[in-house]
Protein backbone atom coordinates (compact mmCIF):
# COMPACT_ATOMS: atom_id res chain seq x y z
CA UNK A 1 -32.21 -5.22 24.22
CA UNK A 2 -33.69 -2.76 22.08
CA UNK A 3 -34.10 -3.34 18.55
CA UNK A 4 -34.49 -0.69 15.74
CA UNK A 5 -36.82 -2.05 12.84
CA UNK A 6 -36.26 -0.48 9.48
CA UNK A 7 -37.34 -0.60 6.05
CA UNK A 8 -34.36 -1.76 3.58
CA UNK A 9 -33.27 0.99 1.39
CA UNK A 10 -31.15 3.30 -0.52
CA UNK A 11 -32.30 6.57 1.76
CA UNK A 12 -34.19 6.60 4.95
CA UNK A 13 -36.99 9.58 4.81
CA UNK A 14 -35.83 10.83 7.67
CA UNK A 15 -32.62 10.63 10.20
CA UNK A 16 -33.91 8.32 13.01
CA UNK A 17 -31.79 6.34 15.62
CA UNK A 18 -30.70 3.36 13.51
CA UNK A 19 -28.97 1.20 15.89
CA UNK A 20 -29.10 -0.47 19.38
CA UNK A 21 -26.24 -1.49 21.61
CA UNK A 22 -26.16 -5.43 22.06
CA UNK A 23 -23.02 -5.39 24.74
CA UNK A 24 -20.31 -3.81 25.40
CA UNK A 25 -20.27 -0.86 27.51
CA UNK A 26 -18.88 2.97 27.36
CA UNK A 27 -15.32 3.36 28.94
CA UNK A 28 -14.96 4.46 32.67
CA UNK A 29 -13.08 7.38 31.58
CA UNK A 30 -13.15 8.62 27.81
CA UNK A 31 -10.64 7.42 25.76
CA UNK A 32 -9.12 10.19 23.28
CA UNK A 33 -10.00 8.23 20.46
CA UNK A 34 -13.22 6.49 19.08
CA UNK A 35 -13.22 4.12 16.27
CA UNK A 36 -16.30 3.54 14.40
CA UNK A 37 -16.50 0.65 12.13
CA UNK A 38 -19.67 0.08 9.87
CA UNK A 39 -19.63 -3.51 8.34
CA UNK A 40 -22.02 -5.66 6.42
CA UNK A 41 -21.75 -9.45 5.47
CA UNK A 42 -17.53 -9.00 5.52
CA UNK A 43 -16.39 -10.53 8.46
CA UNK A 44 -13.23 -11.42 6.71
CA UNK A 45 -11.81 -8.31 6.17
CA UNK A 46 -13.41 -6.25 9.45
CA UNK A 47 -11.22 -8.88 11.40
CA UNK A 48 -8.18 -7.46 9.87
CA UNK A 49 -9.13 -3.76 10.41
CA UNK A 50 -9.90 -4.15 13.99
CA UNK A 51 -7.06 -6.06 14.69
CA UNK A 52 -4.99 -3.16 13.31
CA UNK A 53 -6.96 -0.41 15.24
CA UNK A 54 -6.12 -2.32 18.62
CA UNK A 55 -2.54 -2.77 17.88
CA UNK A 56 -2.56 1.22 17.53
CA UNK A 57 -0.06 2.83 20.29
CA UNK A 58 -3.10 5.27 20.77
CA UNK A 59 -5.73 3.23 22.59
CA UNK A 60 -8.94 3.75 20.82
CA UNK A 61 -12.19 3.03 21.84
CA UNK A 62 -13.90 0.23 18.94
CA UNK A 63 -17.25 0.80 18.28
CA UNK A 64 -18.29 -1.79 15.26
CA UNK A 65 -21.67 -1.01 13.77
CA UNK A 66 -22.74 -4.24 12.05
CA UNK A 67 -25.16 -2.71 9.06
CA UNK A 68 -27.94 -5.39 8.87
CA UNK A 69 -25.37 -8.72 8.45
CA UNK A 70 -26.61 -11.66 7.06
CA UNK A 71 -23.66 -13.68 8.18
CA UNK A 72 -22.15 -14.62 11.25
CA UNK A 73 -20.37 -11.07 11.62
CA UNK A 74 -22.08 -10.67 15.07
CA UNK A 75 -21.13 -13.92 16.45
CA UNK A 76 -17.80 -13.50 15.52
CA UNK A 77 -17.83 -10.16 16.99
CA UNK A 78 -18.95 -11.29 20.56
CA UNK A 79 -16.46 -14.52 20.55
CA UNK A 80 -12.89 -12.70 19.36
CA UNK A 81 -13.49 -9.16 20.04
CA UNK A 82 -15.25 -9.29 23.34
CA UNK A 83 -13.99 -5.97 24.66
CA UNK A 84 -15.61 -3.83 21.50
CA UNK A 85 -18.92 -2.42 21.90
CA UNK A 86 -21.29 -3.44 19.06
CA UNK A 87 -24.37 -1.57 17.23
CA UNK A 88 -26.62 -3.54 14.85
CA UNK A 89 -29.10 -2.34 12.58
CA UNK A 90 -31.95 -4.83 11.89
CA UNK A 91 -31.79 -4.01 7.99
CA UNK A 92 -29.38 -1.94 6.36
CA UNK A 93 -29.02 2.01 6.99
CA UNK A 94 -26.18 2.51 4.54
CA UNK A 95 -23.02 3.91 6.10
CA UNK A 96 -24.03 7.22 6.44
CA UNK A 97 -26.39 6.49 9.11
CA UNK A 98 -24.08 3.71 10.57
CA UNK A 99 -21.00 6.82 11.17
CA UNK A 100 -24.14 8.55 13.12
CA UNK A 101 -24.82 5.94 15.57
CA UNK A 102 -21.20 5.16 16.27
CA UNK A 103 -20.68 8.75 16.51
CA UNK A 104 -23.30 9.25 18.82
CA UNK A 105 -22.37 6.10 20.69
CA UNK A 106 -18.54 7.29 21.52
CA UNK A 107 -16.94 8.88 23.76
CA UNK A 108 -13.81 9.55 22.74
CA UNK A 109 -12.29 13.33 21.60
CA UNK A 110 -11.64 12.04 18.17
CA UNK A 111 -13.91 9.92 16.00
CA UNK A 112 -11.84 7.58 13.58
CA UNK A 113 -14.34 6.48 11.12
CA UNK A 114 -12.75 3.19 8.69
CA UNK A 115 -14.26 1.34 6.21
CA UNK A 116 -14.52 -2.89 6.93
CA UNK A 117 -11.56 -2.87 4.23
CA UNK A 118 -9.60 -0.09 5.47
CA UNK A 119 -6.42 -1.54 7.80
CA UNK A 120 -4.29 0.85 9.61
CA UNK A 121 -1.01 0.89 7.54
CA UNK A 122 1.16 0.71 10.80
CA UNK A 123 0.83 1.00 14.65
CA UNK A 124 1.23 4.80 14.43
CA UNK A 125 -1.39 5.78 12.06
CA UNK A 126 -3.85 6.98 14.63
CA UNK A 127 -0.93 8.67 16.54
CA UNK A 128 0.75 10.59 13.43
CA UNK A 129 -2.99 11.56 12.58
CA UNK A 130 -3.89 13.00 15.45
CA UNK A 131 -0.23 15.60 15.72
CA UNK A 132 -1.96 17.41 12.48
CA UNK A 133 -4.45 19.01 14.77
CA UNK A 134 -2.66 21.69 15.62
CA UNK A 135 -5.91 24.31 15.00
CA UNK A 136 -8.46 25.14 16.08
CA UNK A 137 -9.41 25.65 12.44
CA UNK A 138 -9.01 21.76 12.06
CA UNK A 139 -12.05 19.87 12.12
CA UNK A 140 -10.81 16.47 10.35
CA UNK A 141 -7.41 15.29 8.99
CA UNK A 142 -7.50 12.54 6.31
CA UNK A 143 -5.52 9.20 6.45
CA UNK A 144 -4.10 8.68 3.46
CA UNK A 145 -4.07 5.31 1.74
CA UNK A 146 -2.65 3.48 -0.70
CA UNK A 147 -5.28 0.85 -3.45
CA UNK A 148 -2.87 -1.85 -2.38
CA UNK A 149 -4.57 -4.21 -5.25
CA UNK A 150 -4.30 -1.86 -8.09
CA UNK A 151 -1.24 0.67 -7.48
CA UNK A 152 1.54 2.43 -5.45
CA UNK A 153 0.00 5.89 -5.43
CA UNK A 154 -1.02 7.57 -1.91
CA UNK A 155 -4.37 8.99 -2.26
CA UNK A 156 -5.46 12.24 -0.24
CA UNK A 157 -2.04 13.14 1.40
CA UNK A 158 -0.74 17.07 1.28
CA UNK A 159 0.85 17.80 -1.95
CA UNK A 160 3.92 18.89 -0.41
CA UNK A 161 6.03 17.21 2.61
CA UNK A 162 5.11 20.42 4.90
CA UNK A 163 2.74 22.87 5.27
CA UNK A 164 -1.18 22.79 6.39
CA UNK A 165 -2.90 21.81 3.16
CA UNK A 166 -7.41 21.68 3.30
CA UNK A 167 -9.49 19.78 1.02
CA UNK A 168 -12.73 18.63 -0.31
CA UNK A 169 -11.40 15.31 -1.60
CA UNK A 170 -11.59 12.81 1.11
CA UNK A 171 -13.31 9.42 2.07
CA UNK A 172 -15.36 8.36 4.68
CA UNK A 173 -14.18 5.52 5.58
CA UNK A 174 -9.96 7.13 5.81
CA UNK A 175 -10.61 10.02 8.24
CA UNK A 176 -10.01 10.94 11.68
CA UNK A 177 -12.48 14.22 12.90
CA UNK A 178 -12.82 16.09 15.89
CA UNK A 179 -15.52 14.78 17.11
CA UNK A 180 -17.96 17.53 18.70
CA UNK A 181 -17.27 19.52 15.35
CA UNK A 182 -18.88 16.05 14.13
CA UNK A 183 -21.92 16.34 15.62
CA UNK A 184 -22.04 20.08 15.87
CA UNK A 185 -23.34 19.56 12.24
CA UNK A 186 -25.40 16.50 12.90
CA UNK A 187 -22.43 14.28 11.14
CA UNK A 188 -23.35 13.31 7.38
CA UNK A 189 -27.03 13.56 6.01
CA UNK A 190 -28.31 9.97 6.26
CA UNK A 191 -30.71 10.87 3.09
CA UNK A 192 -27.51 10.08 0.98
CA UNK A 193 -27.23 6.46 2.06
CA UNK A 194 -23.83 6.26 0.81
CA UNK A 195 -21.47 7.47 -2.11
CA UNK A 196 -20.47 11.32 -2.48
CA UNK A 197 -21.72 12.19 1.44
CA UNK A 198 -18.36 13.62 1.96
CA UNK A 199 -18.38 16.69 0.31
CA UNK A 200 -22.01 17.39 1.65
CA UNK A 201 -20.51 17.47 5.59
CA UNK A 202 -17.52 19.28 4.19
CA UNK A 203 -19.29 22.50 2.35
CA UNK A 204 -21.31 22.48 5.64
CA UNK A 205 -17.77 22.72 8.23
CA UNK A 206 -16.32 25.24 5.64
CA UNK A 207 -19.69 27.21 6.16
CA UNK A 208 -18.51 27.13 10.10
CA UNK A 209 -14.80 27.65 8.66
CA UNK A 210 -13.67 24.51 9.89
CA UNK A 211 -11.57 22.39 7.60
CA UNK A 212 -10.48 19.10 6.39
CA UNK A 213 -6.88 18.60 6.05
CA UNK A 214 -4.76 16.64 4.35
CA UNK A 215 -2.56 13.96 5.90
CA UNK A 216 1.05 12.72 5.32
CA UNK A 217 2.35 9.92 3.98
CA UNK A 218 0.61 6.27 3.84
CA UNK A 219 -1.38 5.63 6.66
CA UNK A 220 -3.98 2.97 5.33
CA UNK A 221 -3.97 0.11 3.15
CA UNK A 222 -7.24 -0.37 1.20
CA UNK A 223 -8.48 -3.74 0.11
CA UNK A 224 -11.17 -2.52 -1.99
CA UNK A 225 -13.31 -5.42 -1.78
CA UNK A 226 -14.07 -7.26 -5.18
CA UNK A 227 -17.80 -6.96 -4.84
CA UNK A 228 -18.87 -3.68 -6.15
CA UNK A 229 -22.10 -2.63 -7.69
CA UNK A 230 -21.47 -0.50 -10.38
CA UNK A 231 -24.93 0.35 -11.08
CA UNK A 232 -25.99 1.24 -7.67
CA UNK A 233 -22.74 3.29 -7.53
CA UNK A 234 -23.63 5.32 -10.77
CA UNK A 235 -27.36 5.84 -9.45
CA UNK A 236 -26.58 6.86 -6.25
CA UNK A 237 -23.62 9.23 -7.60
CA UNK A 238 -26.36 10.93 -9.89
CA UNK A 239 -29.15 11.20 -7.24
CA UNK A 240 -26.67 12.44 -4.65
CA UNK A 241 -25.06 14.98 -6.72
CA UNK A 242 -28.86 16.23 -7.25
CA UNK A 243 -29.31 15.98 -3.50
CA UNK A 244 -26.10 18.14 -2.57
CA UNK A 245 -27.22 21.06 -5.02
CA UNK A 246 -30.67 21.49 -3.43
CA UNK A 247 -29.45 20.94 0.01
CA UNK A 248 -26.64 23.38 0.03
CA UNK A 249 -26.33 25.62 -3.24
CA UNK A 250 -26.97 29.31 -2.71
CA UNK A 251 -30.65 29.69 -4.78
CA UNK A 252 -29.08 32.26 -6.98
CA UNK A 253 -26.84 29.69 -8.47
CA UNK A 254 -29.08 26.69 -7.81
CA UNK A 255 -30.40 26.32 -11.28
CA UNK A 256 -27.16 27.01 -12.85
CA UNK A 257 -25.23 24.30 -10.62
CA UNK A 258 -28.05 22.12 -11.25
CA UNK A 259 -28.30 21.87 -15.04
CA UNK A 260 -24.42 21.88 -14.95
CA UNK A 261 -24.47 18.92 -12.58
CA UNK A 262 -26.68 16.97 -14.38
CA UNK A 263 -25.27 17.48 -18.07
CA UNK A 264 -21.50 16.83 -16.97
CA UNK A 265 -22.84 13.65 -14.88
CA UNK A 266 -24.69 12.33 -17.90
CA UNK A 267 -22.20 13.06 -20.24
CA UNK A 268 -19.26 11.63 -18.06
CA UNK A 269 -21.33 8.29 -17.55
CA UNK A 270 -22.03 8.18 -21.46
CA UNK A 271 -18.49 7.70 -22.14
CA UNK A 272 -18.38 4.96 -19.57
CA UNK A 273 -21.20 3.04 -19.96
CA UNK A 274 -23.39 4.23 -17.04
CA UNK A 275 -25.87 7.06 -18.78
CA UNK A 276 -28.90 4.19 -17.73
CA UNK A 277 -28.38 4.02 -13.95
CA UNK A 278 -27.73 7.59 -14.04
CA UNK A 279 -30.93 8.73 -15.80
CA UNK A 280 -32.36 6.52 -12.98
CA UNK A 281 -30.25 8.15 -9.73
CA UNK A 282 -31.70 11.79 -11.39
CA UNK A 283 -35.26 10.59 -11.16
CA UNK A 284 -35.12 8.79 -7.84
CA UNK A 285 -34.18 12.47 -6.13
CA UNK A 286 -37.01 14.09 -7.17
CA UNK A 287 -39.22 12.08 -4.71
CA UNK A 288 -36.78 11.98 -2.01
CA UNK A 289 -36.17 16.52 -2.82
CA UNK A 290 -40.00 16.85 -1.92
CA UNK A 291 -39.94 14.79 0.74
CA UNK A 292 -37.04 16.21 2.35
CA UNK A 293 -37.05 19.69 1.04
CA UNK A 294 -36.91 20.77 4.79
CA UNK A 295 -33.29 20.05 4.90
CA UNK A 296 -32.24 22.95 2.69
CA UNK A 297 -29.72 25.07 4.45
CA UNK A 298 -27.69 26.72 1.64
CA UNK A 299 -24.41 28.27 2.51
CA UNK A 300 -23.11 31.60 1.68
CA UNK A 301 -22.32 32.63 -1.47
CA UNK A 302 -18.64 33.32 0.00
CA UNK A 303 -19.02 29.65 1.19
CA UNK A 304 -19.84 28.37 -1.94
CA UNK A 305 -17.79 30.23 -3.76
CA UNK A 306 -14.32 28.88 -1.69
CA UNK A 307 -15.62 25.39 -1.91
CA UNK A 308 -15.61 25.38 -5.67
CA UNK A 309 -12.34 26.62 -5.82
CA UNK A 310 -11.08 23.78 -3.60
CA UNK A 311 -12.69 21.65 -5.35
CA UNK A 312 -11.64 22.33 -8.70
CA UNK A 313 -8.27 23.30 -7.62
CA UNK A 314 -6.95 20.80 -5.25
CA UNK A 315 -5.73 21.04 -1.76
CA UNK A 316 -4.32 24.00 -1.14
CA UNK A 317 -2.80 25.87 1.93
CA UNK A 318 -4.84 26.89 4.71
CA UNK A 319 -3.66 30.61 4.74
CA UNK A 320 -4.27 30.66 1.04
CA UNK A 321 -8.18 29.18 1.53
CA UNK A 322 -8.62 31.88 4.68
CA UNK A 323 -7.53 34.55 2.38
CA UNK A 324 -10.38 33.27 -0.42
CA UNK A 325 -13.57 32.95 2.68
CA UNK A 326 -11.66 37.12 3.65
CA UNK A 327 -11.78 38.30 0.19
CA UNK A 328 -15.46 36.34 -1.15
């Protein structure tokens, strides 16, 4: 058994192998879908999520990435789900690293990434999402969800019942990818650790003219965990907004984008009690930027312009986005 040791923290200084396969071999013949579920100390909700995957009409290879749990998650998995593959981090590297590790270990054509509080709403959720990969332009499909403990609003769904709509607004724990395209852009940047890593991946896919498509109807029931560190989310959100700009924004627009990001993020946080952690996040971005500046790979002005239109206007038809990209 190989174990990779790592230092606990919000962002590794550079991507590295983050997990070791504890047990479970790759299937003898590649499955159509591999489901990757990162988890940490949530075995009760994890159990429900895994059952919902196993009950799908489309058989899925299941890879659970234990991200440094200190409870009995691994033993529960070994006893109750002996057919799934288990990867384990000795210390928490974050959901971004966990998803990347799962994607590298997977063998399916498609990659379903689920959080450990996201239950597939019906046995045909995966089958329904798969049906929307009807074009080579589509790199990912959102699995629309409802925050069942709060309201009945269906989020990340297409705004109309028919047609192909694309978006930048998706959640990493509720999406289905073409695995080859996910790996082609090297997955999520692990420097983010968690929070706001999705637009970074979306803009890199857009640079290659691949799109995140909106799904239809409710495919996931999201049972949001009551244990949420709001200070950490404010801090990481601010920090990662700076990283996004440095890594992706064209040089001619970088200073303007950074200034706008700092001002708008701070004012938003000030009205909601998050000003102090946001300022901490801005400060924490500086040493990360200095040691990872080599990751900077700005997209073209045309891609950046299209990304901003999509982000500000919400889901748009794929034909409209292609026209925007053609005309700059």
